[in-house]
Amino acid sequence: MPELRKDPVVGRWVIISTERARRPSDFAPDPVRPRASNCVFCEGNEDKTPPEIIASRAAGLGANMPGWRYRVVSNKFPALRVEGDLEPTGEGLYDRMNGVGAHEVVIETPDHAASLATLPVDAVAEVLIAYRERVRDLKKDPRLEYVLIFKNHGEAAGASLEHPHSQLIATPIIPVMVQEELAGSARYFELKERCVWCDVLRQERRDRRRLVMEAHGFTVVAPFAPRFPFETWILPTRHRAAFEDSEVDELRGLAVVLNDFLQRLGVLLGDPPFNYMLHTAPLREPASEQFHWHLEIIPKLARVAGYEWGSGFFINPVPPEDAAAALRDVTIPPAAS
């Protein structure tokens, strides 16, 4: 029988439509696009991107030259620009301000055919450390309130280039979805004097039906009220509000877990398109007992249609208990020697 489930953080209801239930094999991946003949992110094309902000390469190799392991550059077609003042103004009841912010691209590897699932764990860790360093640097700009790190993998997930990359956008306002999580976390804390995310982790680790894995200080769960099939969250098991406060060893642990999970997802669903979004505490907030940073991973397996847009209810044909069980049961093939 179908169920209505309520997310304990933001209060959002979803419909788990068991009568539409689908097996992992029902989600056929989209055809693979042919490789671009002259990818601007590939090694040797450094002059085709804006200059490096940071990069990892062997000592003695010059900036904006081959020999790198990852590069961070400004987006050539940015959603926001770092130059200028905010200058908020009103137009009757409408508010506006200049499009000030930052939009950067993290080119994760020189290997066009690689992915975070196939890269060595050390390379994944370097990408995560790059995220941290960029957040720490952007935090110095008093105009900025929030940095959202996200990845679009696959054309159906919004990736315009197939070369492995992720992005960050820093804004002078806190995104509305993060505001909803902050407000829900604050309400829960006021009522129970505990972090709602920590309580979720305690319950899921005890119950285990929606637990995918736990290792290296991180817990991977299918949320109780997922909006989409195989939606998954990765959270630090120990309370941590701000991603940028993570130590290098913690990020190396996250690299192991993220790499493992993405391999499971690829084996189970045939390398599906997906988005991930890192939700962390706002830049200007002190260390919070209420909020808990987390990575939300959403495979692009279902389309959002009129009912979802009109009602705010999401219809998910895969119960999270089934999704977690399928992901747990995946056998990851051994790495090629």
C-alpha atoms as a PDB file:
ATOM      1  CA  MET A   1       0.000   0.000   0.000  1.00  0.00           C
ATOM      2  CA  PRO A   2       1.307   3.519  -0.758  1.00  0.00           C
ATOM      3  CA  GLU A   3       2.581   5.561   2.193  1.00  0.00           C
ATOM      4  CA  LEU A   4       2.912   9.229   3.049  1.00  0.00           C
ATOM      5  CA  ARG A   5       6.196   9.889   4.863  1.00  0.00           C
ATOM      6  CA  LYS A   6       7.357  13.100   6.540  1.00  0.00           C
ATOM      7  CA  ASP A   7      10.945  14.292   6.531  1.00  0.00           C
ATOM      8  CA  PRO A   8      11.916  14.963  10.178  1.00  0.00           C
ATOM      9  CA  VAL A   9      14.066  18.016   9.348  1.00  0.00           C
ATOM     10  CA  VAL A  10      12.124  20.246   6.950  1.00  0.00           C
ATOM     11  CA  GLY A  11       8.663  18.707   7.411  1.00  0.00           C
ATOM     12  CA  ARG A  12       8.348  17.857   3.711  1.00  0.00           C
ATOM     13  CA  TRP A  13       5.952  15.015   2.895  1.00  0.00           C
ATOM     14  CA  VAL A  14       6.660  12.475   0.150  1.00  0.00           C
ATOM     15  CA  ILE A  15       4.576   9.677  -1.341  1.00  0.00           C
ATOM     16  CA  ILE A  16       6.213   6.250  -1.374  1.00  0.00           C
ATOM     17  CA  SER A  17       4.220   4.705  -4.193  1.00  0.00           C
ATOM     18  CA  THR A  18       4.714   0.994  -3.599  1.00  0.00           C
ATOM     19  CA  GLU A  19       2.166   0.141  -6.289  1.00  0.00           C
ATOM     20  CA  ARG A  20       4.565   1.713  -8.785  1.00  0.00           C
ATOM     21  CA  ALA A  21       7.550  -0.063  -7.196  1.00  0.00           C
ATOM     22  CA  ARG A  22      10.477  -0.607  -9.531  1.00  0.00           C
ATOM     23  CA  ARG A  23      13.522  -2.832  -9.345  1.00  0.00           C
ATOM     24  CA  PRO A  24      17.038  -1.474  -9.901  1.00  0.00           C
ATOM     25  CA  SER A  25      17.125  -3.216 -13.287  1.00  0.00           C
ATOM     26  CA  ASP A  26      14.125  -1.145 -14.393  1.00  0.00           C
ATOM     27  CA  PHE A  27      16.218   2.033 -14.391  1.00  0.00           C
ATOM     28  CA  ALA A  28      18.026   1.740 -17.719  1.00  0.00           C
ATOM     29  CA  PRO A  29      20.878   4.235 -18.121  1.00  0.00           C
ATOM     30  CA  ASP A  30      20.775   6.767 -20.929  1.00  0.00           C
ATOM     31  CA  PRO A  31      22.990   6.095 -23.940  1.00  0.00           C
ATOM     32  CA  VAL A  32      26.567   7.285 -23.467  1.00  0.00           C
ATOM     33  CA  ARG A  33      27.438  10.385 -25.478  1.00  0.00           C
ATOM     34  CA  PRO A  34      30.490  10.146 -27.751  1.00  0.00           C
ATOM     35  CA  ARG A  35      33.590  11.713 -26.265  1.00  0.00           C
ATOM     36  CA  ALA A  36      34.200  15.326 -27.247  1.00  0.00           C
ATOM     37  CA  SER A  37      37.119  15.621 -29.653  1.00  0.00           C
ATOM     38  CA  ASN A  38      38.663  18.681 -28.013  1.00  0.00           C
ATOM     39  CA  CYS A  39      37.643  18.786 -24.347  1.00  0.00           C
ATOM     40  CA  VAL A  40      38.713  22.061 -22.722  1.00  0.00           C
ATOM     41  CA  PHE A  41      39.203  20.317 -19.355  1.00  0.00           C
ATOM     42  CA  CYS A  42      41.639  17.714 -20.679  1.00  0.00           C
ATOM     43  CA  GLU A  43      45.348  17.935 -19.956  1.00  0.00           C
ATOM     44  CA  GLY A  44      47.130  20.039 -22.549  1.00  0.00           C
ATOM     45  CA  ASN A  45      44.200  22.437 -22.922  1.00  0.00           C
ATOM     46  CA  GLU A  46      44.985  24.551 -19.863  1.00  0.00           C
ATOM     47  CA  ASP A  47      44.998  27.707 -21.997  1.00  0.00           C
ATOM     48  CA  LYS A  48      41.342  27.112 -22.862  1.00  0.00           C
ATOM     49  CA  THR A  49      40.157  27.668 -19.274  1.00  0.00           C
ATOM     50  CA  PRO A  50      40.497  30.690 -16.994  1.00  0.00           C
ATOM     51  CA  PRO A  51      43.729  30.683 -14.935  1.00  0.00           C
ATOM     52  CA  GLU A  52      44.050  28.268 -12.030  1.00  0.00           C
ATOM     53  CA  ILE A  53      42.896  29.376  -8.597  1.00  0.00           C
ATOM     54  CA  ILE A  54      44.519  26.346  -6.985  1.00  0.00           C
ATOM     55  CA  ALA A  55      45.848  23.067  -8.363  1.00  0.00           C
ATOM     56  CA  SER A  56      47.774  19.963  -7.325  1.00  0.00           C
ATOM     57  CA  ARG A  57      50.861  19.034  -9.327  1.00  0.00           C
ATOM     58  CA  ALA A  58      54.394  17.811  -8.729  1.00  0.00           C
ATOM     59  CA  ALA A  59      56.884  20.331  -7.350  1.00  0.00           C
ATOM     60  CA  GLY A  60      58.629  22.368 -10.003  1.00  0.00           C
ATOM     61  CA  LEU A  61      55.846  22.179 -12.592  1.00  0.00           C
ATOM     62  CA  GLY A  62      54.452  25.545 -13.642  1.00  0.00           C
ATOM     63  CA  ALA A  63      50.903  26.768 -13.113  1.00  0.00           C
ATOM     64  CA  ASN A  64      48.425  26.434 -15.973  1.00  0.00           C
ATOM     65  CA  MET A  65      50.603  23.758 -17.558  1.00  0.00           C
ATOM     66  CA  PRO A  66      50.249  19.958 -17.917  1.00  0.00           C
ATOM     67  CA  GLY A  67      51.234  17.675 -15.049  1.00  0.00           C
ATOM     68  CA  TRP A  68      48.337  18.442 -12.673  1.00  0.00           C
ATOM     69  CA  ARG A  69      46.182  16.069 -10.642  1.00  0.00           C
ATOM     70  CA  TYR A  70      43.264  18.478 -10.177  1.00  0.00           C
ATOM     71  CA  ARG A  71      42.664  22.136 -11.040  1.00  0.00           C
ATOM     72  CA  VAL A  72      40.208  24.731  -9.732  1.00  0.00           C
ATOM     73  CA  VAL A  73      39.358  27.534 -12.158  1.00  0.00           C
ATOM     74  CA  SER A  74      36.711  30.224 -12.407  1.00  0.00           C
ATOM     75  CA  ASN A  75      33.705  29.219 -14.469  1.00  0.00           C
ATOM     76  CA  LYS A  76      34.069  30.706 -17.949  1.00  0.00           C
ATOM     77  CA  PHE A  77      30.330  31.401 -18.007  1.00  0.00           C
ATOM     78  CA  PRO A  78      29.641  32.278 -14.353  1.00  0.00           C
ATOM     79  CA  ALA A  79      26.223  32.502 -12.754  1.00  0.00           C
ATOM     80  CA  LEU A  80      27.638  35.251 -10.494  1.00  0.00           C
ATOM     81  CA  ARG A  81      30.718  37.476 -10.635  1.00  0.00           C
ATOM     82  CA  VAL A  82      33.141  38.276  -7.832  1.00  0.00           C
ATOM     83  CA  GLU A  83      33.576  41.943  -8.857  1.00  0.00           C
ATOM     84  CA  GLY A  84      31.368  44.721  -7.510  1.00  0.00           C
ATOM     85  CA  ASP A  85      29.325  45.709  -4.473  1.00  0.00           C
ATOM     86  CA  LEU A  86      26.036  44.180  -3.392  1.00  0.00           C
ATOM     87  CA  GLU A  87      23.995  47.423  -3.588  1.00  0.00           C
ATOM     88  CA  PRO A  88      20.620  46.003  -2.476  1.00  0.00           C
ATOM     89  CA  THR A  89      17.679  48.062  -3.723  1.00  0.00           C
ATOM     90  CA  GLY A  90      13.925  47.944  -3.634  1.00  0.00           C
ATOM     91  CA  GLU A  91      11.428  48.330  -6.454  1.00  0.00           C
ATOM     92  CA  GLY A  92       8.097  48.594  -4.717  1.00  0.00           C
ATOM     93  CA  LEU A  93       7.605  45.276  -2.964  1.00  0.00           C
ATOM     94  CA  TYR A  94      10.429  43.661  -4.996  1.00  0.00           C
ATOM     95  CA  ASP A  95      14.038  43.316  -3.797  1.00  0.00           C
ATOM     96  CA  ARG A  96      17.154  43.078  -5.897  1.00  0.00           C
ATOM     97  CA  MET A  97      20.937  43.298  -5.595  1.00  0.00           C
ATOM     98  CA  ASN A  98      23.928  42.994  -7.881  1.00  0.00           C
ATOM     99  CA  GLY A  99      24.860  39.461  -8.949  1.00  0.00           C
ATOM    100  CA  VAL A 100      27.932  39.319  -6.737  1.00  0.00           C
ATOM    101  CA  GLY A 101      29.397  35.957  -5.823  1.00  0.00           C
ATOM    102  CA  ALA A 102      31.817  33.330  -7.079  1.00  0.00           C
ATOM    103  CA  HIS A 103      31.381  30.445  -9.515  1.00  0.00           C
ATOM    104  CA  GLU A 104      34.246  27.968  -9.766  1.00  0.00           C
ATOM    105  CA  VAL A 105      34.886  24.619 -11.423  1.00  0.00           C
ATOM    106  CA  VAL A 106      36.860  21.789  -9.828  1.00  0.00           C
ATOM    107  CA  ILE A 107      38.378  19.704 -12.636  1.00  0.00           C
ATOM    108  CA  GLU A 108      38.793  16.488 -10.709  1.00  0.00           C
ATOM    109  CA  THR A 109      41.323  14.627 -12.851  1.00  0.00           C
ATOM    110  CA  PRO A 110      43.205  14.965 -16.146  1.00  0.00           C
ATOM    111  CA  ASP A 111      41.720  11.587 -17.190  1.00  0.00           C
ATOM    112  CA  HIS A 112      38.657  12.271 -19.340  1.00  0.00           C
ATOM    113  CA  ALA A 113      37.322   8.732 -18.909  1.00  0.00           C
ATOM    114  CA  ALA A 114      37.707   8.558 -15.104  1.00  0.00           C
ATOM    115  CA  SER A 115      35.192   9.357 -12.365  1.00  0.00           C
ATOM    116  CA  LEU A 116      35.127   9.667  -8.593  1.00  0.00           C
ATOM    117  CA  ALA A 117      34.093   5.999  -8.582  1.00  0.00           C
ATOM    118  CA  THR A 118      37.149   4.887 -10.564  1.00  0.00           C
ATOM    119  CA  LEU A 119      39.826   7.276  -9.310  1.00  0.00           C
ATOM    120  CA  PRO A 120      42.224   6.140  -6.570  1.00  0.00           C
ATOM    121  CA  VAL A 121      41.020   7.113  -3.112  1.00  0.00           C
ATOM    122  CA  ASP A 122      43.967   9.505  -2.701  1.00  0.00           C
ATOM    123  CA  ALA A 123      42.814  11.422  -5.792  1.00  0.00           C
ATOM    124  CA  VAL A 124      39.247  11.620  -4.455  1.00  0.00           C
ATOM    125  CA  ALA A 125      40.637  12.901  -1.152  1.00  0.00           C
ATOM    126  CA  GLU A 126      42.546  15.649  -2.969  1.00  0.00           C
ATOM    127  CA  VAL A 127      39.297  16.822  -4.581  1.00  0.00           C
ATOM    128  CA  LEU A 128      37.546  16.937  -1.200  1.00  0.00           C
ATOM    129  CA  ILE A 129      40.455  18.837   0.330  1.00  0.00           C
ATOM    130  CA  ALA A 130      40.248  21.297  -2.581  1.00  0.00           C
ATOM    131  CA  TYR A 131      36.571  21.855  -1.717  1.00  0.00           C
ATOM    132  CA  ARG A 132      37.562  22.629   1.861  1.00  0.00           C
ATOM    133  CA  GLU A 133      40.313  25.027   0.862  1.00  0.00           C
ATOM    134  CA  ARG A 134      38.061  26.954  -1.498  1.00  0.00           C
ATOM    135  CA  VAL A 135      35.352  27.316   1.166  1.00  0.00           C
ATOM    136  CA  ARG A 136      37.938  28.528   3.691  1.00  0.00           C
ATOM    137  CA  ASP A 137      39.263  31.089   1.214  1.00  0.00           C
ATOM    138  CA  LEU A 138      35.838  32.367   0.113  1.00  0.00           C
ATOM    139  CA  LYS A 139      34.830  32.682   3.756  1.00  0.00           C
ATOM    140  CA  LYS A 140      37.277  35.604   3.994  1.00  0.00           C
ATOM    141  CA  ASP A 141      35.025  37.676   1.682  1.00  0.00           C
ATOM    142  CA  PRO A 142      32.534  39.485   3.967  1.00  0.00           C
ATOM    143  CA  ARG A 143      30.039  39.849   1.122  1.00  0.00           C
ATOM    144  CA  LEU A 144      29.455  36.094   0.938  1.00  0.00           C
ATOM    145  CA  GLU A 145      27.072  34.131   3.161  1.00  0.00           C
ATOM    146  CA  TYR A 146      27.080  30.642   1.675  1.00  0.00           C
ATOM    147  CA  VAL A 147      29.085  28.280  -0.543  1.00  0.00           C
ATOM    148  CA  LEU A 148      27.220  25.433  -2.226  1.00  0.00           C
ATOM    149  CA  ILE A 149      29.373  22.630  -3.652  1.00  0.00           C
ATOM    150  CA  PHE A 150      27.635  20.421  -6.186  1.00  0.00           C
ATOM    151  CA  LYS A 151      28.285  17.892  -8.921  1.00  0.00           C
ATOM    152  CA  ASN A 152      26.294  17.104 -12.055  1.00  0.00           C
ATOM    153  CA  HIS A 153      27.313  13.691 -13.415  1.00  0.00           C
ATOM    154  CA  GLY A 154      25.879  12.841 -16.809  1.00  0.00           C
ATOM    155  CA  GLU A 155      23.930  14.840 -19.356  1.00  0.00           C
ATOM    156  CA  ALA A 156      20.545  14.048 -17.790  1.00  0.00           C
ATOM    157  CA  ALA A 157      21.838  15.470 -14.492  1.00  0.00           C
ATOM    158  CA  GLY A 158      22.800  18.764 -16.122  1.00  0.00           C
ATOM    159  CA  ALA A 159      26.467  18.195 -16.985  1.00  0.00           C
ATOM    160  CA  SER A 160      27.315  20.161 -20.113  1.00  0.00           C
ATOM    161  CA  LEU A 161      30.806  18.589 -20.291  1.00  0.00           C
ATOM    162  CA  GLU A 162      31.464  14.905 -19.663  1.00  0.00           C
ATOM    163  CA  HIS A 163      34.985  15.411 -18.268  1.00  0.00           C
ATOM    164  CA  PRO A 164      34.867  14.729 -14.490  1.00  0.00           C
ATOM    165  CA  HIS A 165      34.243  18.000 -12.666  1.00  0.00           C
ATOM    166  CA  SER A 166      32.239  19.561  -9.896  1.00  0.00           C
ATOM    167  CA  GLN A 167      31.379  23.166  -9.099  1.00  0.00           C
ATOM    168  CA  LEU A 168      30.859  25.645  -6.312  1.00  0.00           C
ATOM    169  CA  ILE A 169      28.783  28.794  -6.216  1.00  0.00           C
ATOM    170  CA  ALA A 170      29.212  31.310  -3.403  1.00  0.00           C
ATOM    171  CA  THR A 171      26.301  33.694  -2.817  1.00  0.00           C
ATOM    172  CA  PRO A 172      25.535  36.737  -0.639  1.00  0.00           C
ATOM    173  CA  ILE A 173      22.341  35.017   0.555  1.00  0.00           C
ATOM    174  CA  ILE A 174      21.646  31.572   2.027  1.00  0.00           C
ATOM    175  CA  PRO A 175      19.843  29.258  -0.456  1.00  0.00           C
ATOM    176  CA  VAL A 176      16.197  28.611   0.413  1.00  0.00           C
ATOM    177  CA  MET A 177      16.636  24.828   0.692  1.00  0.00           C
ATOM    178  CA  VAL A 178      19.418  25.324   3.217  1.00  0.00           C
ATOM    179  CA  GLN A 179      17.265  27.875   5.072  1.00  0.00           C
ATOM    180  CA  GLU A 180      14.546  25.224   5.360  1.00  0.00           C
ATOM    181  CA  GLU A 181      17.030  22.750   6.838  1.00  0.00           C
ATOM    182  CA  LEU A 182      18.384  25.361   9.235  1.00  0.00           C
ATOM    183  CA  ALA A 183      14.878  26.283  10.381  1.00  0.00           C
ATOM    184  CA  GLY A 184      13.851  22.643  10.805  1.00  0.00           C
ATOM    185  CA  SER A 185      17.023  21.847  12.736  1.00  0.00           C
ATOM    186  CA  ALA A 186      16.455  24.861  15.001  1.00  0.00           C
ATOM    187  CA  ARG A 187      12.842  23.856  15.731  1.00  0.00           C
ATOM    188  CA  TYR A 188      13.924  20.325  16.629  1.00  0.00           C
ATOM    189  CA  PHE A 189      16.755  21.569  18.835  1.00  0.00           C
ATOM    190  CA  GLU A 190      14.454  23.978  20.672  1.00  0.00           C
ATOM    191  CA  LEU A 191      12.053  21.117  21.383  1.00  0.00           C
ATOM    192  CA  LYS A 192      14.522  18.342  22.286  1.00  0.00           C
ATOM    193  CA  GLU A 193      17.903  20.064  22.832  1.00  0.00           C
ATOM    194  CA  ARG A 194      19.491  17.602  20.410  1.00  0.00           C
ATOM    195  CA  CYS A 195      20.669  17.721  16.801  1.00  0.00           C
ATOM    196  CA  VAL A 196      18.024  16.166  14.549  1.00  0.00           C
ATOM    197  CA  TRP A 197      20.688  14.781  12.228  1.00  0.00           C
ATOM    198  CA  CYS A 198      22.473  13.069  15.131  1.00  0.00           C
ATOM    199  CA  ASP A 199      19.149  11.564  16.202  1.00  0.00           C
ATOM    200  CA  VAL A 200      18.552  10.323  12.641  1.00  0.00           C
ATOM    201  CA  LEU A 201      21.987   8.706  12.649  1.00  0.00           C
ATOM    202  CA  ARG A 202      21.392   7.054  16.017  1.00  0.00           C
ATOM    203  CA  GLN A 203      18.059   5.627  14.878  1.00  0.00           C
ATOM    204  CA  GLU A 204      19.291   4.454  11.483  1.00  0.00           C
ATOM    205  CA  ARG A 205      22.403   2.815  12.947  1.00  0.00           C
ATOM    206  CA  ARG A 206      20.177   1.027  15.452  1.00  0.00           C
ATOM    207  CA  ASP A 207      17.389   0.094  12.999  1.00  0.00           C
ATOM    208  CA  ARG A 208      19.723  -0.698  10.044  1.00  0.00           C
ATOM    209  CA  ARG A 209      16.950  -1.167   7.433  1.00  0.00           C
ATOM    210  CA  ARG A 210      17.918   2.101   5.706  1.00  0.00           C
ATOM    211  CA  LEU A 211      21.626   1.917   6.539  1.00  0.00           C
ATOM    212  CA  VAL A 212      23.833   1.448   3.455  1.00  0.00           C
ATOM    213  CA  MET A 213      27.228   1.443   5.168  1.00  0.00           C
ATOM    214  CA  GLU A 214      29.262   3.041   7.952  1.00  0.00           C
ATOM    215  CA  ALA A 215      33.031   3.335   7.927  1.00  0.00           C
ATOM    216  CA  HIS A 216      35.898   5.753   8.553  1.00  0.00           C
ATOM    217  CA  GLY A 217      33.750   8.118  10.626  1.00  0.00           C
ATOM    218  CA  PHE A 218      30.901   8.429   8.097  1.00  0.00           C
ATOM    219  CA  THR A 219      27.427   6.923   7.832  1.00  0.00           C
ATOM    220  CA  VAL A 220      25.574   6.380   4.556  1.00  0.00           C
ATOM    221  CA  VAL A 221      21.783   6.176   4.779  1.00  0.00           C
ATOM    222  CA  ALA A 222      18.724   6.127   2.579  1.00  0.00           C
ATOM    223  CA  PRO A 223      16.569   8.856   4.181  1.00  0.00           C
ATOM    224  CA  PHE A 224      13.224   7.870   5.693  1.00  0.00           C
ATOM    225  CA  ALA A 225      11.293  10.160   3.322  1.00  0.00           C
ATOM    226  CA  PRO A 226      13.352  10.274   0.093  1.00  0.00           C
ATOM    227  CA  ARG A 227      12.164  12.479  -2.727  1.00  0.00           C
ATOM    228  CA  PHE A 228      13.741  10.340  -5.445  1.00  0.00           C
ATOM    229  CA  PRO A 229      14.633   6.670  -6.065  1.00  0.00           C
ATOM    230  CA  PHE A 230      17.938   5.756  -4.413  1.00  0.00           C
ATOM    231  CA  GLU A 231      18.395   9.207  -2.839  1.00  0.00           C
ATOM    232  CA  THR A 232      21.197   8.777  -0.304  1.00  0.00           C
ATOM    233  CA  TRP A 233      22.843  10.919   2.382  1.00  0.00           C
ATOM    234  CA  ILE A 234      26.420  10.716   3.653  1.00  0.00           C
ATOM    235  CA  LEU A 235      26.963  12.290   7.079  1.00  0.00           C
ATOM    236  CA  PRO A 236      29.898  12.473   9.481  1.00  0.00           C
ATOM    237  CA  THR A 237      28.965  10.119  12.306  1.00  0.00           C
ATOM    238  CA  ARG A 238      30.331  12.582  14.871  1.00  0.00           C
ATOM    239  CA  HIS A 239      28.510  15.907  15.036  1.00  0.00           C
ATOM    240  CA  ARG A 240      30.033  18.474  12.702  1.00  0.00           C
ATOM    241  CA  ALA A 241      28.219  21.611  11.517  1.00  0.00           C
ATOM    242  CA  ALA A 242      30.677  23.089   9.011  1.00  0.00           C
ATOM    243  CA  PHE A 243      32.359  21.065   6.271  1.00  0.00           C
ATOM    244  CA  GLU A 244      35.334  23.427   6.174  1.00  0.00           C
ATOM    245  CA  ASP A 245      36.200  22.472   9.774  1.00  0.00           C
ATOM    246  CA  SER A 246      36.963  18.902   8.649  1.00  0.00           C
ATOM    247  CA  GLU A 247      40.504  17.662   9.178  1.00  0.00           C
ATOM    248  CA  VAL A 248      42.499  16.062   6.372  1.00  0.00           C
ATOM    249  CA  ASP A 249      42.167  12.595   7.927  1.00  0.00           C
ATOM    250  CA  GLU A 250      38.389  13.019   8.073  1.00  0.00           C
ATOM    251  CA  LEU A 251      38.266  13.955   4.391  1.00  0.00           C
ATOM    252  CA  ARG A 252      40.384  10.943   3.531  1.00  0.00           C
ATOM    253  CA  GLY A 253      37.794   8.822   5.320  1.00  0.00           C
ATOM    254  CA  LEU A 254      35.023  10.532   3.360  1.00  0.00           C
ATOM    255  CA  ALA A 255      36.943   9.814   0.139  1.00  0.00           C
ATOM    256  CA  VAL A 256      36.949   6.083   0.917  1.00  0.00           C
ATOM    257  CA  VAL A 257      33.222   6.076   1.683  1.00  0.00           C
ATOM    258  CA  LEU A 258      32.218   8.253  -1.295  1.00  0.00           C
ATOM    259  CA  ASN A 259      34.324   6.193  -3.692  1.00  0.00           C
ATOM    260  CA  ASP A 260      32.810   2.962  -2.334  1.00  0.00           C
ATOM    261  CA  PHE A 261      29.248   4.276  -2.519  1.00  0.00           C
ATOM    262  CA  LEU A 262      29.604   5.585  -6.090  1.00  0.00           C
ATOM    263  CA  GLN A 263      31.003   2.210  -7.152  1.00  0.00           C
ATOM    264  CA  ARG A 264      27.959   0.508  -5.611  1.00  0.00           C
ATOM    265  CA  LEU A 265      25.649   2.924  -7.386  1.00  0.00           C
ATOM    266  CA  GLY A 266      27.402   2.314 -10.692  1.00  0.00           C
ATOM    267  CA  VAL A 267      27.274  -1.477 -10.395  1.00  0.00           C
ATOM    268  CA  LEU A 268      23.626  -1.479  -9.319  1.00  0.00           C
ATOM    269  CA  LEU A 269      22.237   1.093 -11.750  1.00  0.00           C
ATOM    270  CA  GLY A 270      24.707   1.092 -14.635  1.00  0.00           C
ATOM    271  CA  ASP A 271      26.581   4.354 -13.955  1.00  0.00           C
ATOM    272  CA  PRO A 272      23.445   6.501 -13.710  1.00  0.00           C
ATOM    273  CA  PRO A 273      23.429  10.279 -14.045  1.00  0.00           C
ATOM    274  CA  PHE A 274      23.336  11.857 -10.596  1.00  0.00           C
ATOM    275  CA  ASN A 275      23.628  15.101  -8.697  1.00  0.00           C
ATOM    276  CA  TYR A 276      25.251  15.618  -5.365  1.00  0.00           C
ATOM    277  CA  MET A 277      25.004  18.683  -3.159  1.00  0.00           C
ATOM    278  CA  LEU A 278      26.978  19.455  -0.022  1.00  0.00           C
ATOM    279  CA  HIS A 279      24.864  21.220   2.600  1.00  0.00           C
ATOM    280  CA  THR A 280      26.963  22.847   5.303  1.00  0.00           C
ATOM    281  CA  ALA A 281      26.485  25.602   7.853  1.00  0.00           C
ATOM    282  CA  PRO A 282      26.422  29.205   6.554  1.00  0.00           C
ATOM    283  CA  LEU A 283      29.756  31.002   6.508  1.00  0.00           C
ATOM    284  CA  ARG A 284      28.849  33.622   9.131  1.00  0.00           C
ATOM    285  CA  GLU A 285      27.253  31.327  11.719  1.00  0.00           C
ATOM    286  CA  PRO A 286      29.192  30.233  14.816  1.00  0.00           C
ATOM    287  CA  ALA A 287      29.726  26.533  15.475  1.00  0.00           C
ATOM    288  CA  SER A 288      26.224  25.109  15.762  1.00  0.00           C
ATOM    289  CA  GLU A 289      24.879  22.280  17.886  1.00  0.00           C
ATOM    290  CA  GLN A 290      21.769  22.277  15.702  1.00  0.00           C
ATOM    291  CA  PHE A 291      23.044  21.744  12.162  1.00  0.00           C
ATOM    292  CA  HIS A 292      25.004  18.790  10.765  1.00  0.00           C
ATOM    293  CA  TRP A 293      26.702  18.973   7.366  1.00  0.00           C
ATOM    294  CA  HIS A 294      25.857  16.253   4.886  1.00  0.00           C
ATOM    295  CA  LEU A 295      26.229  15.228   1.256  1.00  0.00           C
ATOM    296  CA  GLU A 296      22.980  14.490  -0.594  1.00  0.00           C
ATOM    297  CA  ILE A 297      23.325  12.178  -3.612  1.00  0.00           C
ATOM    298  CA  ILE A 298      20.370  11.934  -5.997  1.00  0.00           C
ATOM    299  CA  PRO A 299      20.497   9.620  -9.034  1.00  0.00           C
ATOM    300  CA  LYS A 300      18.585  11.094 -11.970  1.00  0.00           C
ATOM    301  CA  LEU A 301      16.174   8.202 -12.437  1.00  0.00           C
ATOM    302  CA  ALA A 302      12.777   9.922 -12.346  1.00  0.00           C
ATOM    303  CA  ARG A 303      11.361  13.094 -13.844  1.00  0.00           C
ATOM    304  CA  VAL A 304       9.709  15.771 -11.742  1.00  0.00           C
ATOM    305  CA  ALA A 305       6.309  16.402 -13.339  1.00  0.00           C
ATOM    306  CA  GLY A 306       3.230  18.570 -12.876  1.00  0.00           C
ATOM    307  CA  TYR A 307       1.983  17.082  -9.622  1.00  0.00           C
ATOM    308  CA  GLU A 308       5.355  17.486  -7.912  1.00  0.00           C
ATOM    309  CA  TRP A 309       5.801  21.073  -9.140  1.00  0.00           C
ATOM    310  CA  GLY A 310       2.230  22.003  -8.270  1.00  0.00           C
ATOM    311  CA  SER A 311       1.945  20.338  -4.856  1.00  0.00           C
ATOM    312  CA  GLY A 312       5.456  20.081  -3.440  1.00  0.00           C
ATOM    313  CA  PHE A 313       4.817  16.344  -2.904  1.00  0.00           C
ATOM    314  CA  PHE A 314       7.366  14.026  -4.505  1.00  0.00           C
ATOM    315  CA  ILE A 315       6.300  10.569  -5.666  1.00  0.00           C
ATOM    316  CA  ASN A 316       9.011   7.938  -5.209  1.00  0.00           C
ATOM    317  CA  PRO A 317       8.409   4.386  -6.522  1.00  0.00           C
ATOM    318  CA  VAL A 318      11.319   2.839  -4.569  1.00  0.00           C
ATOM    319  CA  PRO A 319      10.956   2.466  -0.775  1.00  0.00           C
ATOM    320  CA  PRO A 320      14.209   3.521   0.929  1.00  0.00           C
ATOM    321  CA  GLU A 321      14.428   0.191   2.745  1.00  0.00           C
ATOM    322  CA  ASP A 322      14.574  -1.582  -0.637  1.00  0.00           C
ATOM    323  CA  ALA A 323      17.092   0.899  -2.021  1.00  0.00           C
ATOM    324  CA  ALA A 324      19.417   0.530   0.983  1.00  0.00           C
ATOM    325  CA  ALA A 325      19.201  -3.273   0.869  1.00  0.00           C
ATOM    326  CA  ALA A 326      20.057  -3.312  -2.844  1.00  0.00           C
ATOM    327  CA  LEU A 327      23.046  -1.003  -2.322  1.00  0.00           C
ATOM    328  CA  ARG A 328      24.291  -3.035   0.654  1.00  0.00           C
ATOM    329  CA  ASP A 329      24.167  -6.238  -1.369  1.00  0.00           C
ATOM    330  CA  VAL A 330      26.318  -4.948  -4.229  1.00  0.00           C
ATOM    331  CA  THR A 331      29.635  -6.728  -4.683  1.00  0.00           C
ATOM    332  CA  ILE A 332      32.285  -4.268  -5.837  1.00  0.00           C
ATOM    333  CA  PRO A 333      34.633  -5.836  -8.384  1.00  0.00           C
ATOM    334  CA  PRO A 334      38.319  -5.821  -7.387  1.00  0.00           C
ATOM    335  CA  ALA A 335      40.423  -3.000  -8.799  1.00  0.00           C
ATOM    336  CA  ALA A 336      42.476  -3.846 -11.848  1.00  0.00           C
ATOM    337  CA  SER A 337      46.131  -4.389 -11.025  1.00  0.00           C
END
